[in-house]
Amino acid sequence: MGMKATIWHNPKCGTSRKTLAILENLSKVDVTVVEYLKEPPTAEKLAQLYKDAGITPAQGLRRRGTDAEERGLPDADEATILAAMTADPILIERPLVETEKGAALCRPQDEVLKLL
């Protein structure tokens, strides 16, 4: 049995697609794909992913093409940011990947290799 990996994926995002391609090209990896815009993670799950990735929710916030700045989210507290992400998952920067070795925000996509 290979390593399990979960990717919170946006099929419209090039970096997300490239990260998924790396995972799919490795025969030893059993990949679960979550289209987070359709199935957003809970605030608890996001908090755990960011903690495991060693980043804050503010660092996991997608600013480009969102209204995060206008809403003051980059300076908000963690609970506010996580609640906003769960309600409006476009605010989640992608792709997040989790394996038994930890989690990472895979930008650039080669970051995923550290988790395998």
Protein backbone atom coordinates (compact mmCIF):
# COMPACT_ATOMS: atom_id res chain seq x y z
CA MET A 1 0.00 0.00 0.00
CA GLY A 2 1.39 3.38 -0.94
CA MET A 3 1.32 6.66 0.88
CA LYS A 4 -2.03 8.42 1.16
CA ALA A 5 -2.26 12.06 0.10
CA THR A 6 -5.22 14.43 0.13
CA ILE A 7 -5.23 17.53 -2.07
CA TRP A 8 -7.67 20.40 -1.69
CA HIS A 9 -7.87 21.16 -5.38
CA ASN A 10 -9.25 23.76 -7.76
CA PRO A 11 -9.32 22.34 -11.31
CA LYS A 12 -9.25 25.88 -12.77
CA CYS A 13 -5.92 26.69 -11.06
CA GLY A 14 -2.70 25.89 -12.93
CA THR A 15 -0.60 25.44 -9.78
CA SER A 16 -3.23 23.14 -8.31
CA ARG A 17 -3.36 21.08 -11.51
CA LYS A 18 0.45 20.81 -11.64
CA THR A 19 0.55 19.68 -8.00
CA LEU A 20 -2.12 17.05 -8.66
CA ALA A 21 -0.18 15.84 -11.73
CA ILE A 22 2.94 15.31 -9.59
CA LEU A 23 0.88 13.24 -7.12
CA GLU A 24 -0.85 11.23 -9.85
CA ASN A 25 2.43 10.49 -11.64
CA LEU A 26 3.86 8.80 -8.53
CA SER A 27 2.57 5.25 -8.46
CA LYS A 28 3.26 4.95 -4.73
CA VAL A 29 0.76 7.68 -3.83
CA ASP A 30 -2.93 7.01 -3.24
CA VAL A 31 -4.51 10.41 -3.92
CA THR A 32 -7.83 11.73 -2.62
CA VAL A 33 -8.96 14.86 -4.47
CA VAL A 34 -11.26 17.29 -2.67
CA GLU A 35 -12.70 20.08 -4.80
CA TYR A 36 -12.79 22.51 -1.90
CA LEU A 37 -14.99 25.06 -3.71
CA LYS A 38 -17.73 22.38 -3.76
CA GLU A 39 -16.80 20.68 -0.46
CA PRO A 40 -15.12 23.24 1.80
CA PRO A 41 -13.16 21.88 4.76
CA THR A 42 -14.39 22.74 8.24
CA ALA A 43 -12.76 25.55 10.19
CA GLU A 44 -11.26 22.88 12.49
CA LYS A 45 -9.74 20.99 9.55
CA LEU A 46 -8.32 24.19 8.05
CA ALA A 47 -6.84 25.20 11.42
CA GLN A 48 -5.16 21.78 11.69
CA LEU A 49 -3.82 21.93 8.11
CA TYR A 50 -2.31 25.40 8.62
CA LYS A 51 -0.83 24.38 11.97
CA ASP A 52 0.72 21.27 10.39
CA ALA A 53 1.99 23.37 7.47
CA GLY A 54 3.59 25.84 9.90
CA ILE A 55 1.63 28.82 8.56
CA THR A 56 -1.11 31.05 9.93
CA PRO A 57 -4.61 31.21 8.46
CA ALA A 58 -3.72 34.72 7.23
CA GLN A 59 -0.82 33.19 5.27
CA GLY A 60 -3.25 30.66 3.80
CA LEU A 61 -5.61 33.37 2.61
CA ARG A 62 -6.07 33.83 -1.12
CA ARG A 63 -5.91 37.56 -1.82
CA ARG A 64 -5.69 37.57 -5.60
CA GLY A 65 -9.12 37.71 -7.21
CA THR A 66 -10.93 37.83 -3.85
CA ASP A 67 -12.30 40.56 -1.62
CA ALA A 68 -10.09 39.48 1.31
CA GLU A 69 -8.33 42.88 1.51
CA GLU A 70 -11.57 44.88 1.34
CA ARG A 71 -13.01 42.75 4.13
CA GLY A 72 -9.93 43.38 6.29
CA LEU A 73 -9.27 39.65 6.54
CA PRO A 74 -5.45 39.78 6.34
CA ASP A 75 -5.49 41.62 9.71
CA ALA A 76 -8.41 39.72 11.27
CA ASP A 77 -8.05 37.13 14.02
CA GLU A 78 -7.69 33.44 13.14
CA ALA A 79 -11.28 32.47 14.01
CA THR A 80 -12.65 35.23 11.76
CA ILE A 81 -10.42 34.19 8.86
CA LEU A 82 -11.27 30.49 9.23
CA ALA A 83 -15.02 31.25 9.42
CA ALA A 84 -14.77 33.40 6.28
CA MET A 85 -12.89 30.64 4.42
CA THR A 86 -15.45 28.01 5.34
CA ALA A 87 -18.34 30.27 4.28
CA ASP A 88 -16.60 31.48 1.12
CA PRO A 89 -13.98 28.88 0.12
CA ILE A 90 -12.60 30.99 -2.77
CA LEU A 91 -10.65 32.64 0.10
CA ILE A 92 -8.63 29.43 0.61
CA GLU A 93 -5.27 29.64 -1.18
CA ARG A 94 -4.61 26.44 -3.06
CA PRO A 95 -3.52 23.76 -3.29
CA LEU A 96 -3.29 22.38 0.23
CA VAL A 97 -1.87 18.87 0.43
CA GLU A 98 -1.76 16.56 3.44
CA THR A 99 0.11 13.27 3.86
CA GLU A 100 1.24 11.33 6.92
CA LYS A 101 4.39 13.51 6.88
CA GLY A 102 2.43 16.72 7.32
CA ALA A 103 0.71 19.40 5.29
CA ALA A 104 1.79 22.20 2.97
CA LEU A 105 0.46 24.97 0.82
CA CYS A 106 2.06 23.83 -2.43
CA ARG A 107 3.02 27.09 -4.13
CA PRO A 108 5.20 26.47 -6.08
CA GLN A 109 3.98 22.96 -6.84
CA ASP A 110 7.36 21.33 -6.09
CA GLU A 111 6.67 21.98 -2.38
CA VAL A 112 4.56 18.81 -2.52
CA LEU A 113 7.71 16.69 -2.88
CA LYS A 114 8.65 17.51 0.74
CA LEU A 115 5.51 15.67 1.90
CA LEU A 116 6.23 12.43 0.06
